């Protein structure tokens, strides 16, 4: 049977679009249905027209959605696949029916399972589900794992792991607590490394220090190595062994350059130790003969490296260190060697620190230095005065040139910086070939 469509304007005649009764009867006879009355054929013709229109409408929608120029069989196939049947319901299990007699008539009804309401009422209520909770517990405390149910199984106060570990009962501890457990091989490596780093042989010492600079295996012994550095500085300052402090600072400087390790967990111990080398009054037995100025300058570089590489918006390490150094600089009782170390550290923190803290106070700082040097009989103070002048001129010259371009003459520099102004002027102007 062919469905023909005719349209006049926006209206369509439905009688011409319907299937004829003869077509419906022919289709029924081909399916084995021989007797169909007129009402049945008319109803089937209308339903066939409705379904055909629905099929074509959905197919046209698929054509528009796919931006196709022609209506294809694929569009008709997609529109014929409906997710829900039209007139029947489906179920995975076949339904069972039973015969029910009502008023002398036999009726088949769906057989449903009877529900015992008494059993439901007498049944205990279900348990209330627990709310989601987060429990905080200590995984380790000072290198030891507490024996609580939330932590892994313990055996003889040690974690049950496959890797062989050794007891640290005979290992030196700090404040009664060992930093962490390491294997026997790591203990031997740590012992050999530290002994070579403080060796008197410069070749052996340089080789060991170079391993600190690049070896990623340092991370395994890093907690114990930081304790060695901290204790080494303490012992060196107490016994005035400057060469020992120099070796320890060389270790820390190379550790800071190692990109495979992170020192943020040990900053609370390392920064005070390095700061002690900067502000300590005496770090050697013969300050006139030994070059303790270079040790203070090295400590200042290390302190600047620690603060710059680990400064975050959450810890504000650089601002806190700068505040401590500024407080030490303002102390009237501070010695000149301490003033030199503090100024070296502030200058190493960068141009911003110099321009905001050092330059505004440079006149008062040098005046206080000259006053202390005039009233002191110690030759170390006179040497410290020259060191401070040389440091300020060398570190502040480029900052003055960048931030104070209005200063053009010697008088301007002397008025701004006082007695140190002439040396500052010569340092700033000479590299540019100015006629003096």
Foldseek 3Di string as FASTA:
>chain_A
DDADWDDDPPDTDVVSRFDDLVVQQVVCVVVVHHDDDPVRSVVVRVVVSVVVVQLVVQLVVVCVVVVHPDRDVVSSVVSVDDPADDPDHDDPDDWDWDWDADPNDTDIDTDDDDDDVVCVVPDDDDDDDDDDDDDDDDCADLAFGDPDPVYADDDPRHHDDDDDWDDCPVPDPDPPGRNYTDHPVVVVVVVVLVCQLLDPDPVSNVVSLVCLQEPLVVQRCVVVLLVVLLVQLVVQQVVLPVSSPVSSLSSLVSNLNYPNDDCPVPCVRVLVSLLCLLQPPGNHDDPVVDPSLVVLLSSLLSNLSVCVVPPDPVPNSVVVVLVVLLVQLPDLPGALSNNSSSLSNQLNNDLVSCVPRVQQCQQVSLVSLVVVVVPDPDVVSVVSSVSSLVVCLVSCLVSCVVPPVVDDDLVSQCVRRNPSSNSNNCSNPVVVPDDD
